[in-house]
Amino acid sequence: MCLGTSNRTEGKRVPRRINIHIEITLVKILNSMEEERNEKKVLCEKIIRDINAVFLKDQDLASFEIIPKETNCNKSPVVHVEHNLGLESWCAQHVYDHAHRTLISHRRQTSAQQLRTLQQQQQSDSLAKYLNVALLINPDVTTFWHIRRQLVQKNRLSINKELQFSALVLSIKPKSNEAFAYRRWLYSFQSADAIDWPNEIGICERAADRCASNYHAWSHRQWILQSGPCLLQSELLRTEKFMRKHISDYSCYHYRQVLLNRAFELNFALPNDSSASGSASLASLQQLMTNYGLKCEAKAEDLLELLVPHVDRCSISNQKFKSFLYCCNVAANDIRLCAEQRLMYGQRDCFELHRRAALKFIVEQCVRLQMGLTSGHPLPMVAEDLRLYLNNFDFEKHPFLNAVRREESSLGGKHRRWCNLHLSFGYPTD
């Protein structure tokens, strides 16, 4: 009996000791994990403070980059050199996660709790420093931009500093639609006359220069064009330079087409002694006539006689004629540019597509003026009437358009089909 009892007693004691040992081990592991989390939190807070110190110190920060570095070298991972801010990659994810948790925790608070938090943090701008870090590392979180909007509306963040911050975001992520949308929202609080439009154009161009086919940058640039028509002349020059540098970026070619239509819509033209799109006044248009087998001088009257031979001059303003010749000259310059680019770099789709768009512009504006259709009509009606007139237009009685129709037919069956579809040239079906 005694022996059996002893065995049962011993059998009960062994599991208890193991459980105690396991509990002690778990406690140690949990304490270790807690210490590690605390250390990581302290480190992340220090890095965020260092970044915030750079923001406070340097009011002219121009760029931000994540610097590839896999290990900690026992020094601050925040690099600040000549208005450029960098963060070493080994800590980027940890810092972002910490800032993300803090911001989401704030977001989940009630409105009253958020207000108390903001009142308590008004002096230190604590919330803003987490937003800065989180959006610089990952600018695609709409919630964080919305928090910034709330802070702007509460006058906790200044509009000028926010414009600078969004430009900083675009330096690391040029395709950030959220950053461009935020800039447009900020500008809604300012009058158009007070906005530095050339600077805004420069931000778009740098973003497009760093990232090809940057739809968001070019869309933002179109928005600028609607708000600042005074930029037309400089934009024509800048876009041609961009096209020469980025030969395959069709986004710029498309923007150029929008720009040209906008110029004609606004009756824009340069003074007679100025050059258009980098070439002598009307020289590109005169050269286009020569290419189509027509001879004329680079004079307004001679060109108008070929382009719109039977137009009623009394029904159209002199400024409209000037804008017509100017815009057609820019389009002719683009046709020549596409030919030069094709000879230099070989056949590319963007060259052919833009050449067709420029030719379509010239043909449509010739027909529009010939028929007395001006931009004063509602746009849908203009497009509908223009298509009707193109379908019934007698090209043989028009010297320039007849020459265009004749010469374009030699460019192949695919091009003839395009001309039939968009210009109603009526070539026989292949």
Protein backbone atom coordinates (compact mmCIF):
# COMPACT_ATOMS: atom_id res chain seq x y z
CA MET A 1 0.00 0.00 0.00
CA CYS A 2 2.67 2.43 0.95
CA LEU A 3 4.65 1.73 -2.17
CA GLY A 4 1.59 2.22 -4.37
CA THR A 5 0.65 5.46 -2.66
CA SER A 6 4.17 6.76 -3.03
CA ASN A 7 4.08 6.06 -6.76
CA ARG A 8 0.78 7.90 -7.18
CA THR A 9 2.14 10.84 -5.20
CA GLU A 10 5.26 10.97 -7.28
CA GLY A 11 3.11 10.69 -10.42
CA LYS A 12 1.22 13.83 -9.44
CA ARG A 13 4.30 15.90 -8.58
CA VAL A 14 6.09 15.57 -11.94
CA PRO A 15 3.49 17.37 -14.10
CA ARG A 16 3.22 20.18 -11.55
CA ARG A 17 6.94 20.87 -11.77
CA ILE A 18 6.80 20.82 -15.57
CA ASN A 19 3.88 23.25 -15.59
CA ILE A 20 5.70 25.62 -13.27
CA HIS A 21 8.76 25.45 -15.49
CA ILE A 22 6.66 26.14 -18.60
CA GLU A 23 4.93 29.06 -16.90
CA ILE A 24 8.25 30.56 -15.89
CA THR A 25 9.57 30.15 -19.44
CA LEU A 26 6.45 31.76 -20.93
CA VAL A 27 6.71 34.66 -18.52
CA LYS A 28 10.33 35.16 -19.51
CA ILE A 29 9.45 35.02 -23.21
CA LEU A 30 6.56 37.45 -22.77
CA ASN A 31 8.73 39.80 -20.74
CA SER A 32 11.42 39.57 -23.37
CA MET A 33 8.92 40.30 -26.14
CA GLU A 34 7.50 43.21 -24.16
CA GLU A 35 10.98 44.61 -23.63
CA GLU A 36 11.71 44.19 -27.33
CA ARG A 37 8.47 45.98 -28.25
CA ASN A 38 9.27 48.78 -25.83
CA GLU A 39 12.79 49.10 -27.21
CA LYS A 40 11.44 49.16 -30.76
CA LYS A 41 8.83 51.72 -29.79
CA VAL A 42 11.46 53.94 -28.15
CA LEU A 43 13.67 53.64 -31.23
CA CYS A 44 10.80 54.47 -33.60
CA GLU A 45 9.83 57.47 -31.49
CA LYS A 46 13.43 58.69 -31.57
CA ILE A 47 13.60 58.34 -35.37
CA ILE A 48 10.27 60.15 -35.79
CA ARG A 49 11.53 62.95 -33.53
CA ASP A 50 14.71 63.22 -35.62
CA ILE A 51 12.65 63.49 -38.81
CA ASN A 52 10.39 66.07 -37.22
CA ALA A 53 13.46 68.05 -36.12
CA VAL A 54 14.59 68.19 -39.76
CA PHE A 55 11.17 69.53 -40.78
CA LEU A 56 11.40 72.23 -38.13
CA LYS A 57 15.00 73.08 -38.96
CA ASP A 58 14.85 73.09 -42.78
CA GLN A 59 11.93 74.97 -44.30
CA ASP A 60 13.17 74.30 -47.85
CA LEU A 61 13.25 70.50 -48.02
CA ALA A 62 13.24 69.49 -51.68
CA SER A 63 13.37 65.69 -51.76
CA PHE A 64 12.96 62.53 -49.71
CA GLU A 65 14.49 59.11 -50.37
CA ILE A 66 14.63 55.68 -48.73
CA ILE A 67 18.35 54.86 -48.58
CA PRO A 68 19.13 51.14 -49.09
CA LYS A 69 20.87 49.90 -45.94
CA GLU A 70 20.19 46.52 -44.36
CA THR A 71 21.72 46.90 -40.88
CA ASN A 72 21.79 49.40 -38.06
CA CYS A 73 25.21 51.06 -37.64
CA ASN A 74 24.41 52.49 -34.17
CA LYS A 75 23.80 55.96 -35.51
CA SER A 76 20.71 57.89 -36.54
CA PRO A 77 19.20 56.48 -39.74
CA VAL A 78 17.90 59.96 -40.62
CA VAL A 79 20.12 61.66 -43.22
CA HIS A 80 19.82 65.37 -43.95
CA VAL A 81 22.07 66.92 -46.61
CA GLU A 82 21.47 70.22 -48.43
CA HIS A 83 17.66 70.30 -48.27
CA ASN A 84 17.46 66.56 -48.99
CA LEU A 85 16.03 64.14 -46.43
CA GLY A 86 16.76 60.41 -46.35
CA LEU A 87 15.79 57.44 -44.19
CA GLU A 88 17.76 54.20 -44.09
CA SER A 89 15.72 51.24 -45.31
CA TRP A 90 16.39 48.92 -42.35
CA CYS A 91 14.08 50.93 -40.11
CA ALA A 92 11.52 52.22 -42.63
CA GLN A 93 8.99 49.43 -42.12
CA HIS A 94 9.24 49.55 -38.31
CA VAL A 95 8.81 53.33 -38.24
CA TYR A 96 5.87 53.17 -40.65
CA ASP A 97 4.13 50.44 -38.63
CA HIS A 98 4.50 52.47 -35.42
CA ALA A 99 3.19 55.66 -37.05
CA HIS A 100 0.36 53.70 -38.69
CA ARG A 101 -0.79 52.21 -35.36
CA THR A 102 -0.72 55.61 -33.70
CA LEU A 103 -2.75 57.27 -36.46
CA ILE A 104 -5.31 54.48 -36.71
CA SER A 105 -5.74 54.60 -32.93
CA HIS A 106 -6.45 58.32 -33.23
CA ARG A 107 -8.84 57.68 -36.10
CA ARG A 108 -10.87 55.25 -34.01
CA GLN A 109 -11.42 57.75 -31.24
CA THR A 110 -14.73 59.58 -30.97
CA SER A 111 -14.95 63.17 -32.19
CA ALA A 112 -14.80 64.47 -28.61
CA GLN A 113 -11.74 62.35 -27.85
CA GLN A 114 -10.04 63.54 -31.05
CA LEU A 115 -10.72 67.14 -30.13
CA ARG A 116 -9.23 66.67 -26.67
CA THR A 117 -6.20 64.96 -28.22
CA LEU A 118 -5.68 67.78 -30.69
CA GLN A 119 -6.01 70.37 -27.91
CA GLN A 120 -3.44 68.53 -25.84
CA GLN A 121 -1.09 68.16 -28.79
CA GLN A 122 -1.54 71.63 -30.24
CA GLN A 123 1.87 72.83 -29.10
CA SER A 124 3.88 69.79 -30.11
CA ASP A 125 2.05 68.99 -33.37
CA SER A 126 2.40 65.36 -32.39
CA LEU A 127 -0.19 64.07 -34.85
CA ALA A 128 1.41 65.90 -37.78
CA LYS A 129 4.81 64.30 -37.21
CA TYR A 130 3.30 60.81 -37.45
CA LEU A 131 1.44 61.84 -40.61
CA ASN A 132 4.65 63.17 -42.13
CA VAL A 133 6.51 59.91 -41.62
CA ALA A 134 3.63 57.65 -42.64
CA LEU A 135 2.87 59.52 -45.89
CA LEU A 136 6.49 59.91 -46.90
CA ILE A 137 6.96 56.14 -46.65
CA ASN A 138 3.54 55.20 -48.05
CA PRO A 139 1.62 58.10 -49.65
CA ASP A 140 -1.27 55.97 -50.94
CA VAL A 141 -3.29 55.89 -47.71
CA THR A 142 -6.33 58.08 -48.32
CA THR A 143 -7.25 58.09 -44.62
CA PHE A 144 -4.03 59.88 -43.67
CA TRP A 145 -4.55 62.59 -46.30
CA HIS A 146 -8.05 63.04 -44.95
CA ILE A 147 -6.65 63.58 -41.45
CA ARG A 148 -4.34 66.27 -42.89
CA ARG A 149 -7.36 67.95 -44.49
CA GLN A 150 -9.07 68.01 -41.10
CA LEU A 151 -6.00 69.59 -39.52
CA VAL A 152 -5.87 72.24 -42.25
CA GLN A 153 -9.54 73.04 -41.73
CA LYS A 154 -8.85 73.41 -37.98
CA ASN A 155 -5.90 75.75 -38.79
CA ARG A 156 -3.42 73.30 -37.25
CA LEU A 157 -1.46 73.06 -40.51
CA SER A 158 -0.66 75.95 -42.83
CA ILE A 159 -1.50 75.75 -46.52
CA ASN A 160 1.96 76.85 -47.67
CA LYS A 161 3.70 74.19 -45.59
CA GLU A 162 1.25 71.59 -46.83
CA LEU A 163 2.02 72.50 -50.43
CA GLN A 164 5.69 72.03 -49.63
CA PHE A 165 5.02 68.68 -47.94
CA SER A 166 2.98 67.31 -50.86
CA ALA A 167 5.79 68.34 -53.23
CA LEU A 168 8.17 66.41 -50.96
CA VAL A 169 5.94 63.34 -51.26
CA LEU A 170 5.97 63.69 -55.06
CA SER A 171 9.77 63.70 -55.00
CA ILE A 172 9.76 60.06 -53.84
CA LYS A 173 6.50 58.94 -55.50
CA PRO A 174 5.92 61.01 -58.66
CA LYS A 175 2.74 59.08 -59.53
CA SER A 176 0.95 59.76 -56.24
CA ASN A 177 -2.59 60.69 -57.24
CA GLU A 178 -3.40 61.44 -53.58
CA ALA A 179 -0.66 64.08 -53.41
CA PHE A 180 -1.83 65.79 -56.62
CA ALA A 181 -5.46 65.70 -55.46
CA TYR A 182 -4.40 67.18 -52.11
CA ARG A 183 -2.64 70.06 -53.89
CA ARG A 184 -5.76 70.84 -55.89
CA TRP A 185 -7.79 70.79 -52.69
CA LEU A 186 -5.36 73.19 -51.01
CA TYR A 187 -5.54 75.59 -53.95
CA SER A 188 -9.32 75.78 -53.54
CA PHE A 189 -8.63 78.08 -50.55
CA GLN A 190 -6.61 80.53 -52.70
CA SER A 191 -7.45 82.83 -55.57
CA ALA A 192 -6.02 81.96 -58.99
CA ASP A 193 -4.06 85.22 -59.09
CA ALA A 194 -2.22 84.35 -55.88
CA ILE A 195 -1.00 80.94 -57.09
CA ASP A 196 2.49 80.43 -58.49
CA TRP A 197 1.42 78.52 -61.60
CA PRO A 198 4.92 78.25 -63.15
CA ASN A 199 6.14 76.58 -59.95
CA GLU A 200 3.21 74.16 -60.12
CA ILE A 201 4.08 73.38 -63.75
CA GLY A 202 7.66 72.70 -62.63
CA ILE A 203 6.46 70.17 -60.03
CA CYS A 204 4.43 68.36 -62.71
CA GLU A 205 7.35 68.34 -65.11
CA ARG A 206 9.76 66.94 -62.53
CA ALA A 207 7.26 64.21 -61.67
CA ALA A 208 6.77 63.35 -65.35
CA ASP A 209 10.52 63.47 -65.94
CA ARG A 210 11.15 60.93 -63.17
CA CYS A 211 8.35 58.54 -64.12
CA ALA A 212 7.27 57.81 -67.72
CA SER A 213 3.60 57.86 -68.70
CA ASN A 214 2.73 59.69 -65.51
CA TYR A 215 -1.01 60.06 -66.04
CA HIS A 216 -1.61 61.84 -62.73
CA ALA A 217 1.09 64.47 -63.36
CA TRP A 218 -0.22 65.28 -66.86
CA SER A 219 -3.83 65.34 -65.65
CA HIS A 220 -2.80 67.80 -62.93
CA ARG A 221 -1.05 69.85 -65.60
CA GLN A 222 -4.28 69.98 -67.62
CA TRP A 223 -6.05 71.27 -64.53
CA ILE A 224 -3.38 73.99 -64.25
CA LEU A 225 -3.91 74.89 -67.90
CA GLN A 226 -7.62 75.44 -67.27
CA SER A 227 -6.81 77.69 -64.33
CA GLY A 228 -3.85 79.59 -65.82
CA PRO A 229 -4.34 80.34 -69.55
CA CYS A 230 -1.41 82.76 -69.41
CA LEU A 231 0.85 79.69 -69.51
CA LEU A 232 0.01 78.75 -73.11
CA GLN A 233 3.11 80.22 -74.74
CA SER A 234 5.58 78.79 -72.24
CA GLU A 235 3.80 75.42 -72.26
CA LEU A 236 4.16 75.13 -76.03
CA LEU A 237 7.89 75.64 -75.70
CA ARG A 238 8.32 73.34 -72.69
CA THR A 239 6.31 70.48 -74.12
CA GLU A 240 8.31 70.49 -77.34
CA LYS A 241 11.52 70.19 -75.32
CA PHE A 242 9.98 67.36 -73.30
CA MET A 243 8.93 65.54 -76.48
CA ARG A 244 12.48 65.73 -77.80
CA LYS A 245 13.85 64.35 -74.53
CA HIS A 246 11.25 61.64 -73.82
CA ILE A 247 10.55 60.37 -77.30
CA SER A 248 8.23 57.51 -76.30
CA ASP A 249 6.19 59.17 -73.56
CA TYR A 250 2.84 59.59 -75.31
CA SER A 251 1.35 61.33 -72.27
CA CYS A 252 3.23 64.47 -73.28
CA TYR A 253 2.09 64.17 -76.90
CA HIS A 254 -1.52 63.92 -75.73
CA TYR A 255 -1.10 66.92 -73.45
CA ARG A 256 0.34 68.81 -76.40
CA GLN A 257 -2.85 68.07 -78.36
CA VAL A 258 -4.99 69.33 -75.46
CA LEU A 259 -2.78 72.41 -75.29
CA LEU A 260 -3.22 73.14 -78.99
CA ASN A 261 -7.01 72.83 -78.84
CA ARG A 262 -7.06 75.05 -75.77
CA ALA A 263 -5.02 77.70 -77.57
CA PHE A 264 -7.43 77.73 -80.52
CA GLU A 265 -10.43 77.81 -78.19
CA LEU A 266 -9.04 80.92 -76.47
CA ASN A 267 -8.06 82.59 -79.79
CA PHE A 268 -4.45 82.57 -78.64
CA ALA A 269 -1.71 83.88 -80.95
CA LEU A 270 1.72 85.40 -80.52
CA PRO A 271 2.63 88.89 -81.76
CA ASN A 272 3.72 89.02 -85.40
CA ASP A 273 7.38 89.47 -84.50
CA SER A 274 7.46 86.45 -82.18
CA SER A 275 8.27 82.86 -83.04
CA ALA A 276 5.82 79.99 -82.71
CA SER A 277 6.99 76.81 -81.09
CA GLY A 278 10.63 77.49 -81.77
CA SER A 279 10.33 78.21 -85.53
CA ALA A 280 10.03 81.47 -87.45
CA SER A 281 6.50 82.87 -87.71
CA LEU A 282 4.38 80.63 -90.02
CA ALA A 283 7.50 79.01 -91.52
CA SER A 284 6.44 75.50 -90.47
CA LEU A 285 3.05 75.95 -92.09
CA GLN A 286 4.66 77.21 -95.29
CA GLN A 287 6.98 74.18 -95.29
CA LEU A 288 3.97 71.88 -94.87
CA MET A 289 2.41 73.45 -97.96
CA THR A 290 5.61 72.74 -99.88
CA ASN A 291 5.58 69.11 -98.73
CA TYR A 292 2.07 68.77 -100.15
CA GLY A 293 3.15 70.27 -103.49
CA LEU A 294 1.71 73.75 -102.94
CA LYS A 295 3.76 76.90 -103.42
CA CYS A 296 3.21 80.00 -101.32
CA GLU A 297 5.06 82.52 -99.19
CA ALA A 298 5.07 82.40 -95.39
CA LYS A 299 2.61 85.28 -95.30
CA ALA A 300 -0.76 85.29 -93.58
CA GLU A 301 -2.79 86.28 -96.66
CA ASP A 302 -1.20 83.68 -98.94
CA LEU A 303 -1.67 80.92 -96.39
CA LEU A 304 -5.27 81.87 -95.67
CA GLU A 305 -6.01 81.80 -99.39
CA LEU A 306 -4.90 78.17 -99.52
CA LEU A 307 -6.31 77.02 -96.16
CA VAL A 308 -9.73 78.74 -96.30
CA PRO A 309 -10.12 80.04 -99.87
CA HIS A 310 -13.83 80.84 -99.82
CA VAL A 311 -14.39 81.83 -96.21
CA ASP A 312 -16.54 84.81 -95.32
CA ARG A 313 -13.96 87.16 -93.78
CA CYS A 314 -16.63 89.40 -92.27
CA SER A 315 -18.14 86.63 -90.16
CA ILE A 316 -14.90 85.77 -88.35
CA SER A 317 -12.78 88.11 -86.24
CA ASN A 318 -9.24 89.04 -87.18
CA GLN A 319 -7.99 87.56 -83.90
CA LYS A 320 -9.61 84.24 -84.78
CA PHE A 321 -7.72 84.17 -88.08
CA LYS A 322 -4.47 84.97 -86.29
CA SER A 323 -5.08 82.17 -83.79
CA PHE A 324 -6.02 79.80 -86.62
CA LEU A 325 -2.75 80.43 -88.47
CA TYR A 326 -0.71 80.28 -85.27
CA CYS A 327 -2.21 76.99 -84.11
CA CYS A 328 -1.96 75.42 -87.56
CA ASN A 329 1.68 76.49 -87.67
CA VAL A 330 2.30 74.75 -84.31
CA ALA A 331 0.57 71.62 -85.64
CA ALA A 332 2.70 71.78 -88.81
CA ASN A 333 5.79 72.14 -86.64
CA ASP A 334 4.77 68.97 -84.78
CA ILE A 335 4.31 67.08 -88.05
CA ARG A 336 7.85 68.09 -89.02
CA LEU A 337 9.14 67.16 -85.54
CA CYS A 338 7.59 63.68 -85.77
CA ALA A 339 9.27 63.17 -89.16
CA GLU A 340 12.63 64.22 -87.69
CA GLN A 341 12.19 61.94 -84.68
CA ARG A 342 11.28 59.03 -86.93
CA LEU A 343 14.43 59.52 -89.01
CA MET A 344 16.58 59.72 -85.89
CA TYR A 345 15.05 56.97 -83.72
CA GLY A 346 13.13 54.79 -86.16
CA GLN A 347 9.42 54.09 -86.41
CA ARG A 348 7.49 54.44 -83.15
CA ASP A 349 3.77 54.47 -82.51
CA CYS A 350 3.84 57.78 -80.66
CA PHE A 351 5.36 59.57 -83.68
CA GLU A 352 2.66 58.30 -86.02
CA LEU A 353 -0.19 58.89 -83.54
CA HIS A 354 0.87 62.47 -82.85
CA ARG A 355 1.39 63.21 -86.54
CA ARG A 356 -2.14 62.05 -87.24
CA ALA A 357 -3.51 64.16 -84.37
CA ALA A 358 -1.73 67.27 -85.70
CA LEU A 359 -2.99 66.61 -89.24
CA LYS A 360 -6.53 66.04 -87.94
CA PHE A 361 -6.37 69.36 -86.09
CA ILE A 362 -5.39 71.27 -89.24
CA VAL A 363 -8.02 69.60 -91.43
CA GLU A 364 -10.81 70.05 -88.89
CA GLN A 365 -10.02 73.71 -88.26
CA CYS A 366 -9.92 74.40 -91.99
CA VAL A 367 -13.37 72.86 -92.42
CA ARG A 368 -14.66 74.55 -89.27
CA LEU A 369 -13.71 78.03 -90.49
CA GLN A 370 -14.77 77.27 -94.06
CA MET A 371 -18.26 76.39 -92.83
CA GLY A 372 -18.43 79.22 -90.28
CA LEU A 373 -18.30 76.88 -87.30
CA THR A 374 -16.50 78.64 -84.46
CA SER A 375 -15.89 77.70 -80.85
CA GLY A 376 -18.81 79.93 -79.87
CA HIS A 377 -21.19 77.03 -80.58
CA PRO A 378 -21.85 74.38 -77.90
CA LEU A 379 -19.09 71.80 -78.23
CA PRO A 380 -21.33 68.73 -78.84
CA MET A 381 -23.11 70.59 -81.63
CA VAL A 382 -19.81 71.64 -83.14
CA ALA A 383 -18.52 68.06 -83.19
CA GLU A 384 -21.77 66.78 -84.70
CA ASP A 385 -21.93 69.52 -87.33
CA LEU A 386 -18.25 69.11 -88.14
CA ARG A 387 -18.67 65.37 -88.77
CA LEU A 388 -21.66 66.11 -91.01
CA TYR A 389 -19.73 68.73 -92.98
CA LEU A 390 -16.71 66.44 -93.32
CA ASN A 391 -18.90 63.70 -94.74
CA ASN A 392 -20.34 66.07 -97.34
CA PHE A 393 -17.29 68.23 -97.97
CA ASP A 394 -16.04 68.52 -101.58
CA PHE A 395 -12.28 68.17 -101.06
CA GLU A 396 -11.53 68.60 -104.76
CA LYS A 397 -12.64 72.25 -104.65
CA HIS A 398 -10.30 72.98 -101.74
CA PRO A 399 -6.65 73.30 -102.90
CA PHE A 400 -4.97 72.47 -99.61
CA LEU A 401 -7.29 69.69 -98.43
CA ASN A 402 -7.30 68.14 -101.89
CA ALA A 403 -3.48 68.07 -101.82
CA VAL A 404 -3.54 66.52 -98.35
CA ARG A 405 -6.02 63.88 -99.47
CA ARG A 406 -3.89 63.05 -102.50
CA GLU A 407 -0.55 62.78 -100.66
CA GLU A 408 -1.84 60.95 -97.58
CA SER A 409 -3.22 58.13 -99.73
CA SER A 410 0.35 56.99 -100.46
CA LEU A 411 1.05 56.09 -96.80
CA GLY A 412 -0.55 52.65 -96.88
CA GLY A 413 -3.88 50.93 -96.41
CA LYS A 414 -3.93 51.27 -92.62
CA HIS A 415 -3.43 55.02 -92.84
CA ARG A 416 -6.08 55.34 -95.55
CA ARG A 417 -8.58 53.56 -93.29
CA TRP A 418 -7.72 56.01 -90.49
CA CYS A 419 -8.23 58.96 -92.87
CA ASN A 420 -11.61 57.59 -93.94
CA LEU A 421 -12.70 57.11 -90.34
CA HIS A 422 -11.51 60.42 -88.87
CA LEU A 423 -11.26 62.79 -91.84
CA SER A 424 -13.91 61.35 -94.17
CA PHE A 425 -11.50 61.38 -97.12
CA GLY A 426 -13.52 58.71 -98.92
CA TYR A 427 -10.67 56.54 -100.15
CA PRO A 428 -11.75 53.33 -101.93
CA THR A 429 -11.92 50.33 -99.61
CA ASP A 430 -8.80 48.14 -99.88
